[in-house]
Amino acid sequence: MHDVRALPRRVLILGMGYSGRLLATRLQSLGVQVSGTVRDPAAAPPDGLTRHALVAGRVPDAALLAAVDQADAVLSSVPPDADGDPALRVLHDALQASSALRWVGYLSSTGVYANRDGGWVDARSEADGRSSAALHRLRAEAQWQALATARTLDSAVFRLPALYGRGRNALVQLAEGRARQVLRPGLVFNRLHIEDLAAVIIAALRQPSGHTLYLPADDEPSPPQDVLAYAARLSGRPMPPAQAWDDASVSPTLRRFYESNKRIDSRETRALLQWQPRFPSYREGLQDAWVHGDGRQ
């Protein structure tokens, strides 16, 4: 039997961007008080969510410190730097001192695993990535684990594949002329819809259990050109010209993205959380986005 408890009363999301905003909305609909951090609250959309300013190297204000002090759960989605999680550095003392805190979570990446030439990675696989991005992620994971261990908190690390959803997908890229058809033979990777990510995090909040690693992913690791072709068929837009992944016109950043080829086995995460993706492949996710207006510009 799973130990399913009530959700935390107050959740603080560090780095309330694309996926964090959706999570906040879903938590609020369940009666949770949610606030989050951004670099500039004045630039945020008028959606009713409470935001605090958090900038690396800047002393947090009293409102943010109060939010930390009152939060039962804190989730960080802030991208790491060479020294780990910059948000944790700013707020470490406040998190260490909080008497309300019971759970911390960190949104990491499946980029912590090295290239598997199309092979499978699961929750027991070694995080053997040696790129600077992988090492930064692993350092941030370790910092959150150290805080949880020192405070005897429940904690969770979510190693995530490519995220997409309404407003951020291949339909939008085609409509805005930003889509690239970069080909690398044999390349596949998993994706995760942000609605499914929110469901996974909420399930984890209901089932705190020591330090837990989660690898949520869809059912269908696929070549990126297949996703783009499906979006083109839905929208009636032409495919952009094909480019080889190692072509000189492909940026080094994009080339690095195409260097890693692996499939994510999420069965352990699904069993732990009794979760199944609402969007098991890119097709369901893109259909949902198309119905809601994406790509019709």
C-alpha atoms as a PDB file:
ATOM      1  CA  MET A   1       0.000   0.000   0.000  1.00  0.00           C
ATOM      2  CA  HIS A   2       1.205   3.490  -0.800  1.00  0.00           C
ATOM      3  CA  ASP A   3       1.413   6.049   1.985  1.00  0.00           C
ATOM      4  CA  VAL A   4      -0.736   8.759   0.393  1.00  0.00           C
ATOM      5  CA  ARG A   5      -0.920  11.892   2.511  1.00  0.00           C
ATOM      6  CA  ALA A   6      -2.532  15.272   2.133  1.00  0.00           C
ATOM      7  CA  LEU A   7      -0.779  17.776  -0.070  1.00  0.00           C
ATOM      8  CA  PRO A   8       1.362  20.431   1.639  1.00  0.00           C
ATOM      9  CA  ARG A   9      -0.531  23.564   2.646  1.00  0.00           C
ATOM     10  CA  ARG A  10       2.086  25.948   1.212  1.00  0.00           C
ATOM     11  CA  VAL A  11       4.457  25.336  -1.705  1.00  0.00           C
ATOM     12  CA  LEU A  12       7.227  27.643  -2.933  1.00  0.00           C
ATOM     13  CA  ILE A  13       8.462  27.162  -6.505  1.00  0.00           C
ATOM     14  CA  LEU A  14      11.925  28.557  -7.161  1.00  0.00           C
ATOM     15  CA  GLY A  15      12.092  29.546 -10.811  1.00  0.00           C
ATOM     16  CA  MET A  16       8.401  29.760 -11.770  1.00  0.00           C
ATOM     17  CA  GLY A  17       8.787  29.596 -15.524  1.00  0.00           C
ATOM     18  CA  TYR A  18       7.011  27.579 -18.198  1.00  0.00           C
ATOM     19  CA  SER A  19       6.412  24.364 -16.254  1.00  0.00           C
ATOM     20  CA  GLY A  20       6.348  26.051 -12.838  1.00  0.00           C
ATOM     21  CA  ARG A  21       3.428  28.290 -13.780  1.00  0.00           C
ATOM     22  CA  LEU A  22       1.335  25.308 -14.814  1.00  0.00           C
ATOM     23  CA  LEU A  23       2.244  23.411 -11.649  1.00  0.00           C
ATOM     24  CA  ALA A  24       1.299  26.415  -9.532  1.00  0.00           C
ATOM     25  CA  THR A  25      -2.088  26.628 -11.237  1.00  0.00           C
ATOM     26  CA  ARG A  26      -2.754  22.913 -10.723  1.00  0.00           C
ATOM     27  CA  LEU A  27      -1.742  23.089  -7.053  1.00  0.00           C
ATOM     28  CA  GLN A  28      -3.923  26.137  -6.444  1.00  0.00           C
ATOM     29  CA  SER A  29      -6.908  24.279  -7.914  1.00  0.00           C
ATOM     30  CA  LEU A  30      -6.307  21.632  -5.224  1.00  0.00           C
ATOM     31  CA  GLY A  31      -6.368  24.193  -2.414  1.00  0.00           C
ATOM     32  CA  VAL A  32      -2.624  24.655  -1.978  1.00  0.00           C
ATOM     33  CA  GLN A  33      -1.213  28.128  -1.339  1.00  0.00           C
ATOM     34  CA  VAL A  34       1.506  28.634  -3.940  1.00  0.00           C
ATOM     35  CA  SER A  35       4.068  31.322  -4.585  1.00  0.00           C
ATOM     36  CA  GLY A  36       7.148  31.370  -6.746  1.00  0.00           C
ATOM     37  CA  THR A  37      10.256  33.258  -7.696  1.00  0.00           C
ATOM     38  CA  VAL A  38      11.281  34.980 -10.928  1.00  0.00           C
ATOM     39  CA  ARG A  39      13.958  37.475 -11.822  1.00  0.00           C
ATOM     40  CA  ASP A  40      11.495  40.327 -12.365  1.00  0.00           C
ATOM     41  CA  PRO A  41       7.960  40.019 -10.975  1.00  0.00           C
ATOM     42  CA  ALA A  42       6.916  43.193 -12.808  1.00  0.00           C
ATOM     43  CA  ALA A  43       7.458  41.458 -16.151  1.00  0.00           C
ATOM     44  CA  ALA A  44       5.259  38.455 -15.271  1.00  0.00           C
ATOM     45  CA  PRO A  45       1.847  37.910 -16.889  1.00  0.00           C
ATOM     46  CA  PRO A  46      -1.230  39.067 -14.917  1.00  0.00           C
ATOM     47  CA  ASP A  47      -2.343  35.572 -13.921  1.00  0.00           C
ATOM     48  CA  GLY A  48      -2.916  36.082 -10.193  1.00  0.00           C
ATOM     49  CA  LEU A  49       0.098  34.018  -9.108  1.00  0.00           C
ATOM     50  CA  THR A  50       2.278  35.430  -6.330  1.00  0.00           C
ATOM     51  CA  ARG A  51       5.871  36.013  -7.433  1.00  0.00           C
ATOM     52  CA  HIS A  52       8.947  37.155  -5.530  1.00  0.00           C
ATOM     53  CA  ALA A  53      12.165  38.486  -7.010  1.00  0.00           C
ATOM     54  CA  LEU A  54      15.127  36.131  -6.748  1.00  0.00           C
ATOM     55  CA  VAL A  55      18.426  37.107  -8.354  1.00  0.00           C
ATOM     56  CA  ALA A  56      21.726  35.316  -7.781  1.00  0.00           C
ATOM     57  CA  GLY A  57      24.016  37.364  -5.559  1.00  0.00           C
ATOM     58  CA  ARG A  58      21.260  39.674  -4.358  1.00  0.00           C
ATOM     59  CA  VAL A  59      19.958  39.567  -0.774  1.00  0.00           C
ATOM     60  CA  PRO A  60      16.358  38.258  -0.766  1.00  0.00           C
ATOM     61  CA  ASP A  61      13.676  40.628   0.450  1.00  0.00           C
ATOM     62  CA  ALA A  62      11.482  40.147   3.522  1.00  0.00           C
ATOM     63  CA  ALA A  63       8.502  38.828   1.541  1.00  0.00           C
ATOM     64  CA  LEU A  64      10.543  36.037  -0.027  1.00  0.00           C
ATOM     65  CA  LEU A  65      12.155  35.129   3.293  1.00  0.00           C
ATOM     66  CA  ALA A  66       8.668  34.936   4.833  1.00  0.00           C
ATOM     67  CA  ALA A  67       7.535  32.644   1.994  1.00  0.00           C
ATOM     68  CA  VAL A  68      10.520  30.365   2.636  1.00  0.00           C
ATOM     69  CA  ASP A  69       9.808  30.347   6.362  1.00  0.00           C
ATOM     70  CA  GLN A  70       6.158  29.346   5.824  1.00  0.00           C
ATOM     71  CA  ALA A  71       6.552  26.797   3.015  1.00  0.00           C
ATOM     72  CA  ASP A  72       5.975  23.119   3.776  1.00  0.00           C
ATOM     73  CA  ALA A  73       7.530  22.185   0.416  1.00  0.00           C
ATOM     74  CA  VAL A  74      10.046  23.901  -1.856  1.00  0.00           C
ATOM     75  CA  LEU A  75      10.698  22.900  -5.466  1.00  0.00           C
ATOM     76  CA  SER A  76      13.555  24.340  -7.522  1.00  0.00           C
ATOM     77  CA  SER A  77      13.497  24.509 -11.306  1.00  0.00           C
ATOM     78  CA  VAL A  78      16.313  27.063 -11.538  1.00  0.00           C
ATOM     79  CA  PRO A  79      18.989  26.140 -14.102  1.00  0.00           C
ATOM     80  CA  PRO A  80      22.312  25.349 -12.439  1.00  0.00           C
ATOM     81  CA  ASP A  81      25.610  27.109 -12.927  1.00  0.00           C
ATOM     82  CA  ALA A  82      29.137  25.853 -12.353  1.00  0.00           C
ATOM     83  CA  ASP A  83      28.627  26.069  -8.576  1.00  0.00           C
ATOM     84  CA  GLY A  84      25.299  24.236  -8.482  1.00  0.00           C
ATOM     85  CA  ASP A  85      21.886  25.755  -7.816  1.00  0.00           C
ATOM     86  CA  PRO A  86      22.121  29.563  -7.555  1.00  0.00           C
ATOM     87  CA  ALA A  87      18.709  29.782  -5.881  1.00  0.00           C
ATOM     88  CA  LEU A  88      19.799  27.402  -3.147  1.00  0.00           C
ATOM     89  CA  ARG A  89      22.915  29.469  -2.534  1.00  0.00           C
ATOM     90  CA  VAL A  90      20.830  32.602  -1.973  1.00  0.00           C
ATOM     91  CA  LEU A  91      18.250  30.897   0.240  1.00  0.00           C
ATOM     92  CA  HIS A  92      20.321  28.207   1.968  1.00  0.00           C
ATOM     93  CA  ASP A  93      20.372  29.830   5.392  1.00  0.00           C
ATOM     94  CA  ALA A  94      16.645  30.551   5.301  1.00  0.00           C
ATOM     95  CA  LEU A  95      15.875  26.978   4.215  1.00  0.00           C
ATOM     96  CA  GLN A  96      18.167  25.636   6.906  1.00  0.00           C
ATOM     97  CA  ALA A  97      16.345  27.673   9.556  1.00  0.00           C
ATOM     98  CA  SER A  98      12.751  27.025   8.460  1.00  0.00           C
ATOM     99  CA  SER A  99      10.689  25.055  10.962  1.00  0.00           C
ATOM    100  CA  ALA A 100       7.802  24.502   8.501  1.00  0.00           C
ATOM    101  CA  LEU A 101       9.819  22.799   5.761  1.00  0.00           C
ATOM    102  CA  ARG A 102       9.126  19.078   5.256  1.00  0.00           C
ATOM    103  CA  TRP A 103       9.987  18.372   1.585  1.00  0.00           C
ATOM    104  CA  VAL A 104      12.355  19.689  -1.085  1.00  0.00           C
ATOM    105  CA  GLY A 105      12.410  18.843  -4.767  1.00  0.00           C
ATOM    106  CA  TYR A 106      14.703  19.593  -7.689  1.00  0.00           C
ATOM    107  CA  LEU A 107      13.945  19.503 -11.421  1.00  0.00           C
ATOM    108  CA  SER A 108      17.022  18.022 -13.059  1.00  0.00           C
ATOM    109  CA  SER A 109      17.626  16.523 -16.495  1.00  0.00           C
ATOM    110  CA  THR A 110      18.230  13.183 -18.177  1.00  0.00           C
ATOM    111  CA  GLY A 111      21.284  14.979 -19.552  1.00  0.00           C
ATOM    112  CA  VAL A 112      23.104  13.671 -16.448  1.00  0.00           C
ATOM    113  CA  TYR A 113      23.343  10.338 -18.312  1.00  0.00           C
ATOM    114  CA  ALA A 114      25.970   9.972 -21.027  1.00  0.00           C
ATOM    115  CA  ASN A 115      25.157   8.901 -24.566  1.00  0.00           C
ATOM    116  CA  ARG A 116      23.837   5.313 -24.755  1.00  0.00           C
ATOM    117  CA  ASP A 117      23.754   5.007 -28.582  1.00  0.00           C
ATOM    118  CA  GLY A 118      20.002   4.497 -28.374  1.00  0.00           C
ATOM    119  CA  GLY A 119      20.125   2.223 -25.334  1.00  0.00           C
ATOM    120  CA  TRP A 120      17.905   2.453 -22.274  1.00  0.00           C
ATOM    121  CA  VAL A 121      18.374   4.407 -19.042  1.00  0.00           C
ATOM    122  CA  ASP A 122      16.363   3.759 -15.884  1.00  0.00           C
ATOM    123  CA  ALA A 123      16.369   4.967 -12.273  1.00  0.00           C
ATOM    124  CA  ARG A 124      19.194   2.565 -11.387  1.00  0.00           C
ATOM    125  CA  SER A 125      21.494   3.651 -14.215  1.00  0.00           C
ATOM    126  CA  GLU A 126      24.715   5.444 -13.389  1.00  0.00           C
ATOM    127  CA  ALA A 127      24.587   9.212 -13.893  1.00  0.00           C
ATOM    128  CA  ASP A 128      27.770   9.152 -15.944  1.00  0.00           C
ATOM    129  CA  GLY A 129      27.446  12.349 -17.964  1.00  0.00           C
ATOM    130  CA  ARG A 130      30.717  14.296 -18.063  1.00  0.00           C
ATOM    131  CA  SER A 131      29.708  17.395 -19.988  1.00  0.00           C
ATOM    132  CA  SER A 132      29.768  20.669 -18.074  1.00  0.00           C
ATOM    133  CA  ALA A 133      25.950  20.796 -18.180  1.00  0.00           C
ATOM    134  CA  ALA A 134      25.703  17.288 -16.684  1.00  0.00           C
ATOM    135  CA  LEU A 135      28.216  18.069 -13.948  1.00  0.00           C
ATOM    136  CA  HIS A 136      26.391  21.298 -13.055  1.00  0.00           C
ATOM    137  CA  ARG A 137      23.118  19.358 -12.734  1.00  0.00           C
ATOM    138  CA  LEU A 138      24.689  16.663 -10.598  1.00  0.00           C
ATOM    139  CA  ARG A 139      26.258  19.282  -8.326  1.00  0.00           C
ATOM    140  CA  ALA A 140      22.868  20.955  -7.824  1.00  0.00           C
ATOM    141  CA  GLU A 141      21.206  17.595  -7.116  1.00  0.00           C
ATOM    142  CA  ALA A 142      23.852  16.831  -4.496  1.00  0.00           C
ATOM    143  CA  GLN A 143      23.385  20.217  -2.833  1.00  0.00           C
ATOM    144  CA  TRP A 144      19.645  19.685  -2.402  1.00  0.00           C
ATOM    145  CA  GLN A 145      20.266  16.158  -1.128  1.00  0.00           C
ATOM    146  CA  ALA A 146      22.786  17.514   1.393  1.00  0.00           C
ATOM    147  CA  LEU A 147      20.232  20.021   2.698  1.00  0.00           C
ATOM    148  CA  ALA A 148      17.571  17.306   2.938  1.00  0.00           C
ATOM    149  CA  THR A 149      19.948  14.981   4.767  1.00  0.00           C
ATOM    150  CA  ALA A 150      21.088  17.671   7.196  1.00  0.00           C
ATOM    151  CA  ARG A 151      17.475  18.627   7.952  1.00  0.00           C
ATOM    152  CA  THR A 152      16.034  15.069   7.785  1.00  0.00           C
ATOM    153  CA  LEU A 153      13.611  16.173   5.084  1.00  0.00           C
ATOM    154  CA  ASP A 154      11.874  14.116   2.435  1.00  0.00           C
ATOM    155  CA  SER A 155      13.263  14.988  -0.977  1.00  0.00           C
ATOM    156  CA  ALA A 156      12.853  14.200  -4.641  1.00  0.00           C
ATOM    157  CA  VAL A 157      14.927  14.660  -7.781  1.00  0.00           C
ATOM    158  CA  PHE A 158      13.070  14.607 -11.091  1.00  0.00           C
ATOM    159  CA  ARG A 159      15.365  13.864 -14.035  1.00  0.00           C
ATOM    160  CA  LEU A 160      13.408  15.150 -17.000  1.00  0.00           C
ATOM    161  CA  PRO A 161      13.566  14.653 -20.763  1.00  0.00           C
ATOM    162  CA  ALA A 162      12.583  17.386 -23.234  1.00  0.00           C
ATOM    163  CA  LEU A 163       9.531  19.288 -21.966  1.00  0.00           C
ATOM    164  CA  TYR A 164       6.769  20.589 -24.213  1.00  0.00           C
ATOM    165  CA  GLY A 165       3.111  21.587 -24.022  1.00  0.00           C
ATOM    166  CA  ARG A 166       0.682  24.234 -25.178  1.00  0.00           C
ATOM    167  CA  GLY A 167       2.552  27.310 -26.329  1.00  0.00           C
ATOM    168  CA  ARG A 168       5.914  25.551 -26.614  1.00  0.00           C
ATOM    169  CA  ASN A 169       6.042  22.843 -29.253  1.00  0.00           C
ATOM    170  CA  ALA A 170       6.788  22.038 -32.886  1.00  0.00           C
ATOM    171  CA  LEU A 171       3.515  23.626 -34.067  1.00  0.00           C
ATOM    172  CA  VAL A 172       4.582  26.975 -32.639  1.00  0.00           C
ATOM    173  CA  GLN A 173       8.100  26.619 -34.047  1.00  0.00           C
ATOM    174  CA  LEU A 174       6.721  25.979 -37.546  1.00  0.00           C
ATOM    175  CA  ALA A 175       4.275  28.882 -37.334  1.00  0.00           C
ATOM    176  CA  GLU A 176       6.997  31.279 -36.194  1.00  0.00           C
ATOM    177  CA  GLY A 177       9.558  30.090 -38.731  1.00  0.00           C
ATOM    178  CA  ARG A 178      11.924  28.794 -36.027  1.00  0.00           C
ATOM    179  CA  ALA A 179      11.684  25.065 -36.756  1.00  0.00           C
ATOM    180  CA  ARG A 180      14.871  23.223 -37.767  1.00  0.00           C
ATOM    181  CA  GLN A 181      14.918  19.772 -39.344  1.00  0.00           C
ATOM    182  CA  VAL A 182      18.257  18.485 -38.122  1.00  0.00           C
ATOM    183  CA  LEU A 183      18.900  14.840 -38.957  1.00  0.00           C
ATOM    184  CA  ARG A 184      21.104  12.369 -37.151  1.00  0.00           C
ATOM    185  CA  PRO A 185      20.557   8.736 -38.222  1.00  0.00           C
ATOM    186  CA  GLY A 186      19.295   6.565 -35.371  1.00  0.00           C
ATOM    187  CA  LEU A 187      18.717   9.448 -32.938  1.00  0.00           C
ATOM    188  CA  VAL A 188      15.706   9.170 -30.630  1.00  0.00           C
ATOM    189  CA  PHE A 189      14.752  10.796 -27.348  1.00  0.00           C
ATOM    190  CA  ASN A 190      11.826  10.933 -24.974  1.00  0.00           C
ATOM    191  CA  ARG A 191       9.613  13.870 -24.174  1.00  0.00           C
ATOM    192  CA  LEU A 192       7.309  14.844 -21.322  1.00  0.00           C
ATOM    193  CA  HIS A 193       4.238  17.058 -21.519  1.00  0.00           C
ATOM    194  CA  ILE A 194       4.145  19.697 -18.793  1.00  0.00           C
ATOM    195  CA  GLU A 195       0.684  18.513 -17.730  1.00  0.00           C
ATOM    196  CA  ASP A 196       2.233  15.110 -17.056  1.00  0.00           C
ATOM    197  CA  LEU A 197       5.140  16.720 -15.211  1.00  0.00           C
ATOM    198  CA  ALA A 198       2.687  18.569 -12.956  1.00  0.00           C
ATOM    199  CA  ALA A 199       0.825  15.314 -12.279  1.00  0.00           C
ATOM    200  CA  VAL A 200       4.082  13.564 -11.361  1.00  0.00           C
ATOM    201  CA  ILE A 201       5.180  16.313  -8.954  1.00  0.00           C
ATOM    202  CA  ILE A 202       1.761  16.409  -7.281  1.00  0.00           C
ATOM    203  CA  ALA A 203       1.828  12.620  -6.889  1.00  0.00           C
ATOM    204  CA  ALA A 204       5.309  12.844  -5.353  1.00  0.00           C
ATOM    205  CA  LEU A 205       4.148  15.539  -2.925  1.00  0.00           C
ATOM    206  CA  ARG A 206       1.362  13.185  -1.821  1.00  0.00           C
ATOM    207  CA  GLN A 207       3.829  10.329  -1.258  1.00  0.00           C
ATOM    208  CA  PRO A 208       6.966  11.706   0.412  1.00  0.00           C
ATOM    209  CA  SER A 209       9.473   8.923   0.982  1.00  0.00           C
ATOM    210  CA  GLY A 210      13.012   9.728   2.026  1.00  0.00           C
ATOM    211  CA  HIS A 211      15.150  10.673  -0.950  1.00  0.00           C
ATOM    212  CA  THR A 212      13.549   9.490  -4.186  1.00  0.00           C
ATOM    213  CA  LEU A 213      14.671   9.716  -7.795  1.00  0.00           C
ATOM    214  CA  TYR A 214      12.016   9.970 -10.501  1.00  0.00           C
ATOM    215  CA  LEU A 215      12.408   9.558 -14.272  1.00  0.00           C
ATOM    216  CA  PRO A 216       9.038  10.490 -15.780  1.00  0.00           C
ATOM    217  CA  ALA A 217       8.847  10.186 -19.569  1.00  0.00           C
ATOM    218  CA  ASP A 218       6.432   9.412 -22.368  1.00  0.00           C
ATOM    219  CA  ASP A 219       6.000   5.998 -23.996  1.00  0.00           C
ATOM    220  CA  GLU A 220       7.622   6.706 -27.332  1.00  0.00           C
ATOM    221  CA  PRO A 221      11.243   7.823 -27.714  1.00  0.00           C
ATOM    222  CA  SER A 222      11.190   9.222 -31.243  1.00  0.00           C
ATOM    223  CA  PRO A 223      13.350  10.973 -33.841  1.00  0.00           C
ATOM    224  CA  PRO A 224      12.850  14.756 -33.715  1.00  0.00           C
ATOM    225  CA  GLN A 225      12.051  14.900 -37.443  1.00  0.00           C
ATOM    226  CA  ASP A 226       9.053  12.598 -36.860  1.00  0.00           C
ATOM    227  CA  VAL A 227       7.643  15.075 -34.356  1.00  0.00           C
ATOM    228  CA  LEU A 228       8.184  17.951 -36.749  1.00  0.00           C
ATOM    229  CA  ALA A 229       6.590  16.031 -39.631  1.00  0.00           C
ATOM    230  CA  TYR A 230       3.508  15.302 -37.522  1.00  0.00           C
ATOM    231  CA  ALA A 231       3.210  18.993 -36.610  1.00  0.00           C
ATOM    232  CA  ALA A 232       3.548  19.895 -40.291  1.00  0.00           C
ATOM    233  CA  ARG A 233       0.729  17.500 -41.222  1.00  0.00           C
ATOM    234  CA  LEU A 234      -1.530  18.883 -38.493  1.00  0.00           C
ATOM    235  CA  SER A 235      -0.946  22.487 -39.469  1.00  0.00           C
ATOM    236  CA  GLY A 236      -0.529  22.131 -43.224  1.00  0.00           C
ATOM    237  CA  ARG A 237       2.793  23.948 -43.071  1.00  0.00           C
ATOM    238  CA  PRO A 238       5.841  22.844 -45.060  1.00  0.00           C
ATOM    239  CA  MET A 239       8.778  21.108 -43.446  1.00  0.00           C
ATOM    240  CA  PRO A 240      11.949  23.176 -43.222  1.00  0.00           C
ATOM    241  CA  PRO A 241      14.903  21.912 -45.296  1.00  0.00           C
ATOM    242  CA  ALA A 242      16.823  18.993 -43.830  1.00  0.00           C
ATOM    243  CA  GLN A 243      20.294  19.521 -42.387  1.00  0.00           C
ATOM    244  CA  ALA A 244      22.804  16.966 -41.175  1.00  0.00           C
ATOM    245  CA  TRP A 245      23.457  17.308 -37.452  1.00  0.00           C
ATOM    246  CA  ASP A 246      27.184  17.731 -38.037  1.00  0.00           C
ATOM    247  CA  ASP A 247      26.764  20.305 -40.818  1.00  0.00           C
ATOM    248  CA  ALA A 248      28.809  23.468 -40.323  1.00  0.00           C
ATOM    249  CA  SER A 249      25.626  25.562 -40.329  1.00  0.00           C
ATOM    250  CA  VAL A 250      24.327  23.801 -37.202  1.00  0.00           C
ATOM    251  CA  SER A 251      25.295  25.702 -34.062  1.00  0.00           C
ATOM    252  CA  PRO A 252      27.593  24.030 -31.503  1.00  0.00           C
ATOM    253  CA  THR A 253      24.804  24.244 -28.910  1.00  0.00           C
ATOM    254  CA  LEU A 254      22.329  22.411 -31.151  1.00  0.00           C
ATOM    255  CA  ARG A 255      24.992  19.907 -32.182  1.00  0.00           C
ATOM    256  CA  ARG A 256      25.652  19.059 -28.530  1.00  0.00           C
ATOM    257  CA  PHE A 257      21.931  18.457 -28.070  1.00  0.00           C
ATOM    258  CA  TYR A 258      22.035  15.867 -30.859  1.00  0.00           C
ATOM    259  CA  GLU A 259      25.117  14.099 -29.506  1.00  0.00           C
ATOM    260  CA  SER A 260      23.230  12.188 -26.804  1.00  0.00           C
ATOM    261  CA  ASN A 261      21.055   9.298 -27.935  1.00  0.00           C
ATOM    262  CA  LYS A 262      19.151   7.352 -25.280  1.00  0.00           C
ATOM    263  CA  ARG A 263      15.763   5.976 -24.323  1.00  0.00           C
ATOM    264  CA  ILE A 264      14.207   6.552 -20.875  1.00  0.00           C
ATOM    265  CA  ASP A 265      12.567   3.664 -19.002  1.00  0.00           C
ATOM    266  CA  SER A 266      10.062   5.262 -16.605  1.00  0.00           C
ATOM    267  CA  ARG A 267       8.418   2.072 -15.307  1.00  0.00           C
ATOM    268  CA  GLU A 268       9.820   2.421 -11.786  1.00  0.00           C
ATOM    269  CA  THR A 269       8.542   5.993 -11.494  1.00  0.00           C
ATOM    270  CA  ARG A 270       5.114   4.930 -12.735  1.00  0.00           C
ATOM    271  CA  ALA A 271       4.929   2.113 -10.195  1.00  0.00           C
ATOM    272  CA  LEU A 272       6.073   4.303  -7.303  1.00  0.00           C
ATOM    273  CA  LEU A 273       3.560   7.049  -8.055  1.00  0.00           C
ATOM    274  CA  GLN A 274       0.763   4.993  -9.634  1.00  0.00           C
ATOM    275  CA  TRP A 275       1.039   7.366 -12.595  1.00  0.00           C
ATOM    276  CA  GLN A 276       0.473   6.979 -16.308  1.00  0.00           C
ATOM    277  CA  PRO A 277       1.032   9.805 -18.793  1.00  0.00           C
ATOM    278  CA  ARG A 278      -2.018  11.594 -20.090  1.00  0.00           C
ATOM    279  CA  PHE A 279       0.040  12.263 -23.238  1.00  0.00           C
ATOM    280  CA  PRO A 280       1.800   8.937 -23.974  1.00  0.00           C
ATOM    281  CA  SER A 281       3.405  10.263 -27.171  1.00  0.00           C
ATOM    282  CA  TYR A 282       4.069  13.506 -29.022  1.00  0.00           C
ATOM    283  CA  ARG A 283       0.986  12.851 -31.173  1.00  0.00           C
ATOM    284  CA  GLU A 284      -1.491  13.284 -28.309  1.00  0.00           C
ATOM    285  CA  GLY A 285       0.410  16.317 -27.047  1.00  0.00           C
ATOM    286  CA  LEU A 286       0.482  18.031 -30.434  1.00  0.00           C
ATOM    287  CA  GLN A 287      -3.175  17.212 -31.092  1.00  0.00           C
ATOM    288  CA  ASP A 288      -4.083  18.866 -27.780  1.00  0.00           C
ATOM    289  CA  ALA A 289      -1.993  21.931 -28.648  1.00  0.00           C
ATOM    290  CA  TRP A 290      -3.537  22.188 -32.129  1.00  0.00           C
ATOM    291  CA  VAL A 291      -7.090  21.983 -30.747  1.00  0.00           C
ATOM    292  CA  HIS A 292      -6.246  24.816 -28.358  1.00  0.00           C
ATOM    293  CA  GLY A 293      -4.942  27.090 -31.099  1.00  0.00           C
ATOM    294  CA  ASP A 294      -1.203  26.485 -31.293  1.00  0.00           C
ATOM    295  CA  GLY A 295       0.239  26.809 -34.796  1.00  0.00           C
ATOM    296  CA  ARG A 296      -2.746  28.673 -36.241  1.00  0.00           C
ATOM    297  CA  GLN A 297      -0.995  32.054 -36.350  1.00  0.00           C
END
